[in-house]
Every structure is written in structure tokens, then in C-alpha cells.
Amino acid sequence: MRRLNRPFHRRVSRGVVVTAVVGVVLAAFAGTVLADPGALGNPWPYNAPVTPAASAAPVLAAVGDISCQPGDKQGGEKPSDVCTGGVTPTTRNAAQNATATEVEAIQPTAVAVLGDEQYQNGYLSDFENSFDKYWGAFKFIQRPSPGNHEFYDNHGQLGVRGLGYFDYYNGFQHNAADGTEIDTTLPNGVVQPTPLPDGQAGDFGQTGNGWYSYNLGHWHLISLNAECADQPGGCFPNGNPTPGSWVAQETEWLTNDLKQDHSPCTLAYWHQPTFSSTADPSNSDSKEGMTAALWWQLLYQHHATLILNGHDHVYSRFAPMDPAGNPDPQHGIREFIVGTGGESLDTVLPNTPNLQAWSDQYYGVLQLTLKPSGYDWDYESAMLNPGAPDGTPTTYSDAGSGSCGDSNG
């Protein structure tokens, strides 16, 4: 486990400025959890780690598609593409603030961030001026995966192929002689700092890797990078990558990781869902989705319990399924889509096969309590869409339990 011993980020939100220095080991990732903040007199998550009772279960918060682009519109963007656009001038900032506040109320052991942390193109300056101002207070417990908005061209802007994402989470390189920043100029002319090769978002390779795994309690968690479109060899939509391709390297890593995984429960997450619940098919990129179908097969063969995705800006809970999307209550994997972090909302197709619960009018966060042989889920809304139809309830909740391995529930 990596020790994080660095100045913590300043949170500017709701008129409160929080500054702290984190010089702790992420104790939850070594079998401990954070103490009761009330007992220590310190606000979560800055309190000291303690060893929990044997029955204690880690809590994972999960959500993606979070922060709007700060500043003025760029390139061919519309005015509504930035934080000041939307249904009302403050909708997107209010929404990302609401989900950040919900995470702080949950006080989770860790936060799985499901991609598209920062719109529109994930420049480092965008992370610093939007995502960090709302979600930076608990940055050191975040375990992210990247999304398409961190990698590709979007909304009239040039993409940065993950550089801003890795800069934000891993830090960036400097010259030893004079401490000056080392920059990378992409073929499209975009300049960003050169990320450190290893850090909170995983290894940064020549093309941007960003896959890694870790343990929480009795669970093994895997964060994958599905942003394959600009990588060597592409996404292989036929599901059969050739040796030496980027997707093949990641899939080989996943295969080896699963072979070494002896945990009773396994959870994997990445950005684009293989099984989408949205009414607009364009909300699920077929290239990345087909690539992820390889991972579904591997995870199913190794009896994984849960898959988490974002990308579709909705909340959806599916029944346990096999890799072909068929119901499989005994051995199937349950998929959650949690793309309700704050940027905007999409529309659910209610008759989607195997869809058990959904909402598309609320921003909110999924809470998973990771028990030794099962899990509890609890999705709670943080903010109602200001543009919701009249009569829409002000809150939404979906909660239940499932088991690991056979009889997934």
C-alpha cells in the first residue's frame, strides 16, 4: 500500500474553506477503518485510524460523471456546456456540490470514481478549478477510473488522452536541476504537464494505462481503463484483440490479477457500461462497450459479484446476468450504473432487459457496505433535477442486499 504524505487540497464550497495536511497511511486499505469522528473531535476523514471490530465492514461510495467545465465556453461549445449553463445558472455546480456533500455524510472507507470526473476534456486546469473545489476534500480516499471526457475530443475541444487526469491524481514530473515542470505536447498541439509514472490513478505508461486493483476488507476491487479508442490497436469491437495491443495488455493484466485473487468477493469498475439503460443509444459507446465484454467474460468465469459503471447519466440497478445479458440469479454479476455525480442527466429506457430499479431525475451516490460474504446497497438522491416534471418526488432511494459467489441475489 502506498503512503500518502502530501499537502491536502483546499476545499472551497458552501462558504467553507478546509485545509489539512494528510500524513497518514490509508489504513482502511490495510484492514482498518477510520474511527468515529465524534469520538476524536475531528471531522471525517482527517481522524486517526483504528482497528475495527472483527464484524466491521468497509463502506464504498461510488459515482461518476461529476464536474462541469469551469470558465467560459471553448471552441465550438455551446454556452450550456460550461458550469454556468444548464437549467439554471448554478445547476451543475449545485449538483456536484450536493453529491460531494453526500459522500462526506456517508463517511466511506473509499470512493470509487467511475470516470468522467471532469468535463469537457479533463484538462489539469479544469480539474483544479472545478472537480477539486468540490471533491478535493476527500481526494486521498478516491480510487478513480478514467472516462472518455478525460481522453478524447469533446464539444469542440481537443482531447488530452488522460494527461490532466493522471496529473491531478498522480502529480507531475519536474526537472531535478531547477525544479521546472516537464511538459508533454500531444500531436494535436495540446500541452499538459507530464504525469508521474505511478500514483493514485495507477501506472501512467507511454499511452496512459491506469488500471490497478486493491483490497477492502474481504473484497478485491479492480479499476479498469476502458478508454481504448485512441490507444495502440484501438478497441477491437470484434472482441478479439491481437497480441501486443493496448487492450490485450490490459486484458492479460486482468486475467493474471483474477488468477491471484482469492477473495470471497470481487468487484470491478470502469466507465462505459456493457449493458446500457438509456433511451439514447449514443450514450453507450459501442467500441468501449464491446471491449468491456471481454472483461465481463473473465469476471464471470472468476465468479465476480459486482460491476460498476458510469457514462450513462442515470442510476440503474440490474439483476445478476451472464456475459450475454441473460438473467443468471445463481452465478450472474449484478451491474450498477451510477452516472449521477452532477454534470447532467440522461433518460432511462424503463423496459431495458433485467433492469430492476432506476432513476433519471436525481443526482446521487451509491453506497456499498462490503460484508465478508455479501453486500448491502443504498442509492440515495442528493438533489432533484431542477427541470424534473411537476409532481416528481423530492427524493429517491433504492436499497437492498446481495451475496457473493453462488446465489448472488
Protein backbone atom coordinates (compact mmCIF):
# COMPACT_ATOMS: atom_id res chain seq x y z
CA MET A 1 0.00 0.00 0.00
CA ARG A 2 1.23 3.47 -0.86
CA ARG A 3 1.69 6.01 1.90
CA LEU A 4 0.17 9.35 1.06
CA ASN A 5 2.14 12.08 2.78
CA ARG A 6 1.44 15.25 0.90
CA PRO A 7 -0.32 18.59 1.45
CA PHE A 8 -4.04 18.06 1.10
CA HIS A 9 -6.20 20.09 -1.22
CA ARG A 10 -8.24 23.07 -0.15
CA ARG A 11 -11.98 22.65 -0.36
CA VAL A 12 -13.89 25.82 -1.25
CA SER A 13 -17.56 25.04 -1.04
CA ARG A 14 -20.69 26.31 0.70
CA GLY A 15 -18.67 29.20 2.10
CA VAL A 16 -16.33 26.86 3.98
CA VAL A 17 -12.59 26.55 3.46
CA VAL A 18 -11.00 23.37 4.77
CA THR A 19 -7.23 22.99 4.73
CA ALA A 20 -5.44 19.99 6.16
CA VAL A 21 -2.19 18.11 5.86
CA VAL A 22 -2.58 14.40 5.32
CA GLY A 23 0.30 12.39 6.71
CA VAL A 24 -1.39 9.09 7.21
CA VAL A 25 -1.43 5.66 5.70
CA LEU A 26 -4.78 4.84 4.13
CA ALA A 27 -5.45 2.49 6.98
CA ALA A 28 -8.70 1.19 5.54
CA PHE A 29 -6.76 -0.46 2.73
CA ALA A 30 -4.73 -2.46 5.27
CA GLY A 31 -7.66 -3.86 7.20
CA THR A 32 -8.53 -0.90 9.41
CA VAL A 33 -11.17 1.77 9.16
CA LEU A 34 -11.38 5.33 10.35
CA ALA A 35 -12.50 5.97 13.89
CA ASP A 36 -15.75 7.64 14.89
CA PRO A 37 -15.07 11.32 14.14
CA GLY A 38 -17.25 12.41 17.01
CA ALA A 39 -15.21 10.41 19.48
CA LEU A 40 -11.98 12.02 18.28
CA GLY A 41 -13.32 15.52 17.90
CA ASN A 42 -12.04 15.72 14.31
CA PRO A 43 -14.11 15.87 11.12
CA TRP A 44 -14.01 12.91 8.75
CA PRO A 45 -11.76 11.98 7.00
CA TYR A 46 -8.93 13.53 8.98
CA ASN A 47 -9.33 11.46 12.15
CA ALA A 48 -6.84 8.80 13.23
CA PRO A 49 -7.16 5.18 12.04
CA VAL A 50 -8.13 2.48 14.47
CA THR A 51 -8.53 -1.29 14.26
CA PRO A 52 -12.23 -2.12 13.89
CA ALA A 53 -14.19 -4.93 15.43
CA ALA A 54 -13.99 -8.18 13.50
CA SER A 55 -17.53 -7.65 12.21
CA ALA A 56 -16.85 -4.19 10.75
CA ALA A 57 -17.39 -3.91 7.00
CA PRO A 58 -15.79 -1.26 4.75
CA VAL A 59 -18.09 1.19 3.01
CA LEU A 60 -17.53 2.10 -0.64
CA ALA A 61 -19.15 5.17 -2.18
CA ALA A 62 -19.44 5.09 -5.98
CA VAL A 63 -20.46 7.59 -8.67
CA GLY A 64 -19.17 9.08 -11.91
CA ASP A 65 -19.83 11.91 -14.39
CA ILE A 66 -19.27 14.68 -11.90
CA SER A 67 -17.77 18.08 -12.62
CA CYS A 68 -18.71 20.69 -15.19
CA GLN A 69 -16.18 22.69 -17.16
CA PRO A 70 -15.24 25.93 -15.40
CA GLY A 71 -14.86 29.27 -17.10
CA ASP A 72 -16.14 30.31 -20.49
CA LYS A 73 -17.11 28.05 -23.35
CA GLN A 74 -14.25 26.94 -25.59
CA GLY A 75 -14.03 26.22 -29.31
CA GLY A 76 -17.31 25.04 -30.73
CA GLU A 77 -19.01 24.55 -27.38
CA LYS A 78 -22.47 25.76 -26.53
CA PRO A 79 -22.96 28.14 -23.58
CA SER A 80 -24.73 25.31 -21.76
CA ASP A 81 -21.58 23.14 -21.89
CA VAL A 82 -19.93 25.01 -19.01
CA CYS A 83 -20.70 25.25 -15.30
CA THR A 84 -22.76 28.39 -15.69
CA GLY A 85 -25.04 26.76 -18.25
CA GLY A 86 -27.84 24.31 -17.77
CA VAL A 87 -31.40 24.53 -16.46
CA THR A 88 -30.41 27.36 -14.14
CA PRO A 89 -27.10 29.24 -13.98
CA THR A 90 -25.91 27.21 -10.98
CA THR A 91 -27.44 23.78 -11.59
CA ARG A 92 -24.20 21.94 -12.35
CA ASN A 93 -22.18 23.49 -9.54
CA ALA A 94 -25.05 22.89 -7.15
CA ALA A 95 -25.29 19.27 -8.27
CA GLN A 96 -21.59 18.43 -7.90
CA ASN A 97 -21.65 20.18 -4.53
CA ALA A 98 -24.66 18.10 -3.48
CA THR A 99 -23.01 14.78 -4.34
CA ALA A 100 -19.75 15.81 -2.65
CA THR A 101 -21.75 16.69 0.46
CA GLU A 102 -23.47 13.30 0.29
CA VAL A 103 -20.14 11.47 0.15
CA GLU A 104 -18.96 13.40 3.19
CA ALA A 105 -22.14 12.43 5.02
CA ILE A 106 -21.61 8.75 4.15
CA GLN A 107 -18.04 8.90 5.53
CA PRO A 108 -16.93 5.98 3.34
CA THR A 109 -13.77 3.96 3.61
CA ALA A 110 -13.08 4.63 -0.08
CA VAL A 111 -14.69 6.28 -3.10
CA ALA A 112 -14.82 4.54 -6.49
CA VAL A 113 -14.99 7.37 -9.04
CA LEU A 114 -16.47 5.89 -12.21
CA GLY A 115 -14.96 8.08 -14.91
CA ASP A 116 -15.70 11.48 -16.45
CA GLU A 117 -14.57 13.08 -13.25
CA GLN A 118 -14.04 16.35 -15.14
CA TYR A 119 -15.77 17.75 -18.25
CA GLN A 120 -15.40 18.59 -21.05
CA ASN A 121 -11.89 17.32 -21.77
CA GLY A 122 -10.24 16.82 -18.39
CA TYR A 123 -7.51 19.45 -18.66
CA LEU A 124 -5.48 19.78 -15.45
CA SER A 125 -6.67 23.37 -15.07
CA ASP A 126 -10.28 22.16 -15.28
CA PHE A 127 -9.66 19.60 -12.53
CA GLU A 128 -8.11 22.31 -10.36
CA ASN A 129 -10.90 24.84 -10.94
CA SER A 130 -13.95 22.59 -10.77
CA PHE A 131 -13.58 18.99 -9.50
CA ASP A 132 -11.03 19.84 -6.84
CA LYS A 133 -13.10 22.66 -5.36
CA TYR A 134 -15.94 20.28 -4.56
CA TRP A 135 -14.43 16.78 -4.33
CA GLY A 136 -10.86 17.64 -3.29
CA ALA A 137 -11.57 17.46 0.44
CA PHE A 138 -11.55 13.65 0.28
CA LYS A 139 -9.24 13.20 -2.68
CA PHE A 140 -6.87 10.86 -0.86
CA ILE A 141 -9.52 8.12 -0.41
CA GLN A 142 -10.65 8.27 -4.04
CA ARG A 143 -9.86 5.28 -6.24
CA PRO A 144 -10.68 6.56 -9.74
CA SER A 145 -11.16 5.14 -13.19
CA PRO A 146 -10.98 7.43 -16.27
CA GLY A 147 -13.74 8.25 -18.73
CA ASN A 148 -13.99 9.39 -22.32
CA HIS A 149 -14.03 13.05 -21.25
CA GLU A 150 -10.54 12.60 -19.85
CA PHE A 151 -9.23 11.15 -23.11
CA TYR A 152 -10.99 12.21 -26.31
CA ASP A 153 -12.02 15.30 -28.25
CA ASN A 154 -15.33 16.61 -26.91
CA HIS A 155 -17.62 19.57 -27.59
CA GLY A 156 -15.25 21.39 -29.91
CA GLN A 157 -12.16 20.94 -27.72
CA LEU A 158 -9.03 18.89 -28.28
CA GLY A 159 -8.57 15.82 -26.10
CA VAL A 160 -5.65 15.30 -23.72
CA ARG A 161 -5.51 11.46 -23.68
CA GLY A 162 -5.71 11.28 -19.90
CA LEU A 163 -2.82 13.63 -19.15
CA GLY A 164 -4.87 16.00 -16.99
CA TYR A 165 -6.44 13.07 -15.12
CA PHE A 166 -3.07 11.49 -14.33
CA ASP A 167 -1.60 14.91 -13.48
CA TYR A 168 -4.35 15.51 -10.95
CA TYR A 169 -4.20 12.13 -9.22
CA ASN A 170 -0.52 11.16 -9.64
CA GLY A 171 1.18 14.55 -9.71
CA PHE A 172 3.59 15.53 -12.46
CA GLN A 173 7.26 15.48 -13.22
CA HIS A 174 9.83 18.23 -12.66
CA ASN A 175 13.45 18.69 -13.69
CA ALA A 176 15.79 17.72 -10.87
CA ALA A 177 18.26 20.51 -11.67
CA ASP A 178 15.96 23.52 -11.34
CA GLY A 179 12.53 22.15 -10.37
CA THR A 180 10.85 23.34 -13.55
CA GLU A 181 7.81 21.49 -14.84
CA ILE A 182 8.28 18.86 -17.54
CA ASP A 183 5.56 19.20 -20.16
CA THR A 184 4.17 16.89 -22.84
CA THR A 185 2.95 18.23 -26.18
CA LEU A 186 0.41 15.95 -27.82
CA PRO A 187 0.20 15.52 -31.62
CA ASN A 188 -2.84 17.82 -31.61
CA GLY A 189 -0.75 20.59 -30.02
CA VAL A 190 -2.25 20.43 -26.53
CA VAL A 191 0.35 20.92 -23.78
CA GLN A 192 -0.05 19.39 -20.32
CA PRO A 193 2.39 18.50 -17.54
CA THR A 194 3.96 15.06 -17.81
CA PRO A 195 2.39 12.80 -15.14
CA LEU A 196 4.42 10.85 -12.63
CA PRO A 197 4.70 7.23 -13.77
CA ASP A 198 2.98 5.78 -10.70
CA GLY A 199 0.40 7.08 -8.28
CA GLN A 200 -3.18 7.15 -7.10
CA ALA A 201 -4.62 6.53 -10.58
CA GLY A 202 -2.29 3.61 -11.29
CA ASP A 203 0.67 3.45 -13.63
CA PHE A 204 0.98 6.02 -16.39
CA GLY A 205 2.59 4.40 -19.41
CA GLN A 206 3.52 5.85 -22.76
CA THR A 207 -0.12 5.75 -23.80
CA GLY A 208 -1.78 6.15 -20.41
CA ASN A 209 -2.55 2.89 -18.66
CA GLY A 210 -4.43 3.48 -15.42
CA TRP A 211 -5.60 0.04 -14.36
CA TYR A 212 -4.97 -1.30 -10.86
CA SER A 213 -6.52 -3.33 -8.05
CA TYR A 214 -6.73 -3.17 -4.26
CA ASN A 215 -8.43 -4.89 -1.33
CA LEU A 216 -11.08 -3.61 1.06
CA GLY A 217 -11.89 -5.98 3.90
CA HIS A 218 -12.80 -9.34 2.36
CA TRP A 219 -13.30 -7.80 -1.09
CA HIS A 220 -10.99 -7.47 -4.08
CA LEU A 221 -11.65 -4.34 -6.16
CA ILE A 222 -10.43 -3.72 -9.72
CA SER A 223 -10.34 -0.36 -11.51
CA LEU A 224 -10.07 -0.65 -15.31
CA ASN A 225 -9.44 1.84 -18.10
CA ALA A 226 -11.91 1.40 -20.96
CA GLU A 227 -10.68 4.41 -22.97
CA CYS A 228 -9.21 2.40 -25.81
CA ALA A 229 -10.25 4.34 -28.92
CA ASP A 230 -7.00 6.33 -29.19
CA GLN A 231 -4.74 3.58 -27.87
CA PRO A 232 -2.46 1.36 -29.99
CA GLY A 233 -4.67 -1.18 -31.72
CA GLY A 234 -7.91 0.59 -30.82
CA CYS A 235 -10.83 -1.07 -29.08
CA PHE A 236 -11.24 -4.19 -31.24
CA PRO A 237 -15.02 -4.08 -31.50
CA ASN A 238 -14.98 -7.71 -32.68
CA GLY A 239 -13.85 -8.65 -29.16
CA ASN A 240 -10.63 -10.32 -30.29
CA PRO A 241 -7.59 -8.12 -29.65
CA THR A 242 -4.34 -9.10 -31.30
CA PRO A 243 -1.20 -9.78 -29.26
CA GLY A 244 0.66 -6.63 -28.28
CA SER A 245 -2.35 -4.30 -28.48
CA TRP A 246 -3.19 -1.97 -25.59
CA VAL A 247 -6.47 -3.78 -24.90
CA ALA A 248 -4.66 -7.12 -24.98
CA GLN A 249 -2.16 -5.87 -22.38
CA GLU A 250 -4.92 -4.72 -20.06
CA THR A 251 -6.90 -7.92 -20.54
CA GLU A 252 -3.81 -10.01 -19.83
CA TRP A 253 -3.22 -7.97 -16.66
CA LEU A 254 -6.83 -8.54 -15.61
CA THR A 255 -6.52 -12.27 -16.28
CA ASN A 256 -3.45 -12.51 -14.06
CA ASP A 257 -4.99 -10.33 -11.37
CA LEU A 258 -8.07 -12.54 -11.21
CA LYS A 259 -5.94 -15.70 -11.05
CA GLN A 260 -4.22 -14.28 -7.98
CA ASP A 261 -7.47 -13.12 -6.41
CA HIS A 262 -8.51 -15.45 -3.59
CA SER A 263 -11.01 -13.06 -2.00
CA PRO A 264 -14.55 -14.36 -1.49
CA CYS A 265 -15.98 -11.28 -3.21
CA THR A 266 -14.76 -9.36 -6.28
CA LEU A 267 -15.95 -6.01 -7.67
CA ALA A 268 -14.76 -4.34 -10.87
CA TYR A 269 -15.49 -0.90 -12.27
CA TRP A 270 -14.83 1.18 -15.37
CA HIS A 271 -16.63 3.95 -17.24
CA GLN A 272 -18.76 2.71 -20.18
CA PRO A 273 -21.38 0.06 -19.32
CA THR A 274 -21.64 -3.08 -21.41
CA PHE A 275 -25.39 -3.13 -20.73
CA SER A 276 -26.94 0.33 -21.04
CA SER A 277 -30.29 1.52 -19.70
CA THR A 278 -30.55 4.82 -21.53
CA ALA A 279 -33.05 5.75 -24.20
CA ASP A 280 -30.34 7.25 -26.42
CA PRO A 281 -28.05 4.50 -27.77
CA SER A 282 -25.29 7.07 -28.30
CA ASN A 283 -24.91 7.28 -24.54
CA SER A 284 -23.11 3.92 -24.60
CA ASP A 285 -20.04 3.92 -26.83
CA SER A 286 -20.12 0.62 -28.73
CA LYS A 287 -16.31 0.50 -29.07
CA GLU A 288 -15.57 0.62 -25.36
CA GLY A 289 -18.64 -1.44 -24.52
CA MET A 290 -17.53 -4.29 -26.75
CA THR A 291 -14.06 -4.17 -25.27
CA ALA A 292 -15.57 -4.39 -21.81
CA ALA A 293 -17.48 -7.50 -22.91
CA LEU A 294 -14.10 -9.29 -22.75
CA TRP A 295 -13.82 -8.28 -19.11
CA TRP A 296 -17.37 -9.39 -18.33
CA GLN A 297 -16.46 -12.88 -19.58
CA LEU A 298 -13.32 -13.03 -17.46
CA LEU A 299 -15.04 -11.66 -14.37
CA TYR A 300 -17.92 -14.11 -14.81
CA GLN A 301 -15.51 -17.04 -15.12
CA HIS A 302 -13.89 -15.95 -11.86
CA HIS A 303 -17.22 -15.55 -10.03
CA ALA A 304 -17.14 -11.79 -9.59
CA THR A 305 -20.07 -10.27 -7.71
CA LEU A 306 -20.47 -6.68 -8.92
CA ILE A 307 -19.63 -4.41 -11.85
CA LEU A 308 -19.98 -0.62 -11.52
CA ASN A 309 -20.12 1.83 -14.45
CA GLY A 310 -20.93 5.44 -15.21
CA HIS A 311 -21.19 7.17 -18.61
CA ASP A 312 -24.98 6.96 -18.75
CA HIS A 313 -26.08 9.87 -16.57
CA VAL A 314 -28.66 7.87 -14.68
CA TYR A 315 -28.94 5.41 -11.81
CA SER A 316 -29.70 1.81 -12.79
CA ARG A 317 -29.61 -1.50 -10.94
CA PHE A 318 -29.69 -4.72 -12.95
CA ALA A 319 -30.48 -8.27 -11.94
CA PRO A 320 -27.47 -10.63 -11.92
CA MET A 321 -26.59 -11.50 -15.53
CA ASP A 322 -24.23 -13.67 -17.53
CA PRO A 323 -21.87 -12.05 -20.10
CA ALA A 324 -24.56 -12.26 -22.80
CA GLY A 325 -27.01 -10.27 -20.68
CA ASN A 326 -29.18 -13.24 -19.77
CA PRO A 327 -30.63 -13.46 -16.25
CA ASP A 328 -28.47 -15.67 -14.04
CA PRO A 329 -29.62 -15.49 -10.41
CA GLN A 330 -27.19 -18.19 -9.25
CA HIS A 331 -23.89 -17.21 -10.85
CA GLY A 332 -24.51 -13.86 -12.55
CA ILE A 333 -22.88 -10.47 -11.96
CA ARG A 334 -25.01 -7.52 -10.91
CA GLU A 335 -24.33 -4.26 -12.77
CA PHE A 336 -24.93 -0.83 -11.29
CA ILE A 337 -24.78 2.31 -13.45
CA VAL A 338 -24.16 5.40 -11.34
CA GLY A 339 -23.56 8.36 -13.64
CA THR A 340 -25.35 10.87 -11.42
CA GLY A 341 -22.38 12.79 -9.99
CA GLY A 342 -23.51 16.24 -11.07
CA GLU A 343 -22.68 17.14 -14.68
CA SER A 344 -26.07 16.44 -16.28
CA LEU A 345 -28.78 13.77 -16.52
CA ASP A 346 -29.91 11.42 -19.31
CA THR A 347 -33.15 9.48 -19.84
CA VAL A 348 -33.71 5.85 -18.86
CA LEU A 349 -35.45 3.34 -21.11
CA PRO A 350 -37.66 1.65 -18.48
CA ASN A 351 -38.20 -1.61 -20.42
CA THR A 352 -34.45 -2.35 -20.61
CA PRO A 353 -33.97 -6.12 -20.06
CA ASN A 354 -33.07 -7.12 -16.49
CA LEU A 355 -33.46 -3.56 -15.20
CA GLN A 356 -34.73 -3.80 -11.62
CA ALA A 357 -34.56 -0.19 -10.39
CA TRP A 358 -33.74 3.17 -11.95
CA SER A 359 -33.97 6.93 -11.69
CA ASP A 360 -33.14 9.69 -14.16
CA GLN A 361 -34.32 12.80 -12.29
CA TYR A 362 -31.86 12.82 -9.40
CA TYR A 363 -28.19 13.38 -8.73
CA GLY A 364 -26.91 10.98 -6.09
CA VAL A 365 -24.35 8.46 -4.84
CA LEU A 366 -24.35 4.68 -4.38
CA GLN A 367 -23.21 3.35 -1.00
CA LEU A 368 -22.00 -0.26 -0.79
CA THR A 369 -21.32 -1.95 2.53
CA LEU A 370 -18.84 -4.73 1.74
CA LYS A 371 -19.53 -7.64 4.08
CA PRO A 372 -17.41 -10.81 4.32
CA SER A 373 -19.76 -12.79 2.06
CA GLY A 374 -22.15 -10.22 0.64
CA TYR A 375 -23.08 -6.58 0.34
CA ASP A 376 -25.74 -4.02 1.10
CA TRP A 377 -26.50 -1.33 -1.47
CA ASP A 378 -28.14 2.02 -0.79
CA TYR A 379 -28.55 4.62 -3.51
CA GLU A 380 -29.80 7.93 -2.12
CA SER A 381 -30.56 11.05 -4.11
CA ALA A 382 -28.63 14.20 -3.27
CA MET A 383 -30.52 16.70 -5.44
CA LEU A 384 -33.64 16.69 -7.60
CA ASN A 385 -33.18 17.77 -11.21
CA PRO A 386 -34.46 21.38 -11.35
CA GLY A 387 -36.05 20.53 -14.69
CA ALA A 388 -37.95 17.48 -13.37
CA PRO A 389 -41.65 17.22 -14.29
CA ASP A 390 -44.09 18.74 -11.84
CA GLY A 391 -45.08 16.29 -9.15
CA THR A 392 -41.77 14.38 -9.16
CA PRO A 393 -40.97 13.26 -5.59
CA THR A 394 -38.23 15.33 -3.99
CA THR A 395 -36.08 12.29 -3.11
CA TYR A 396 -35.31 8.81 -4.41
CA SER A 397 -33.90 5.74 -2.68
CA ASP A 398 -33.05 2.18 -3.68
CA ALA A 399 -31.65 -0.25 -1.09
CA GLY A 400 -31.16 -3.98 -0.71
CA SER A 401 -28.69 -6.81 -0.16
CA GLY A 402 -26.88 -9.46 -2.19
CA SER A 403 -24.45 -12.33 -1.74
CA CYS A 404 -21.06 -13.17 -3.19
CA GLY A 405 -20.36 -16.22 -5.32
CA ASP A 406 -23.28 -18.55 -5.96
CA SER A 407 -26.76 -17.23 -5.22
CA ASN A 408 -25.78 -13.65 -6.00
CA GLY A 409 -29.27 -12.47 -5.14
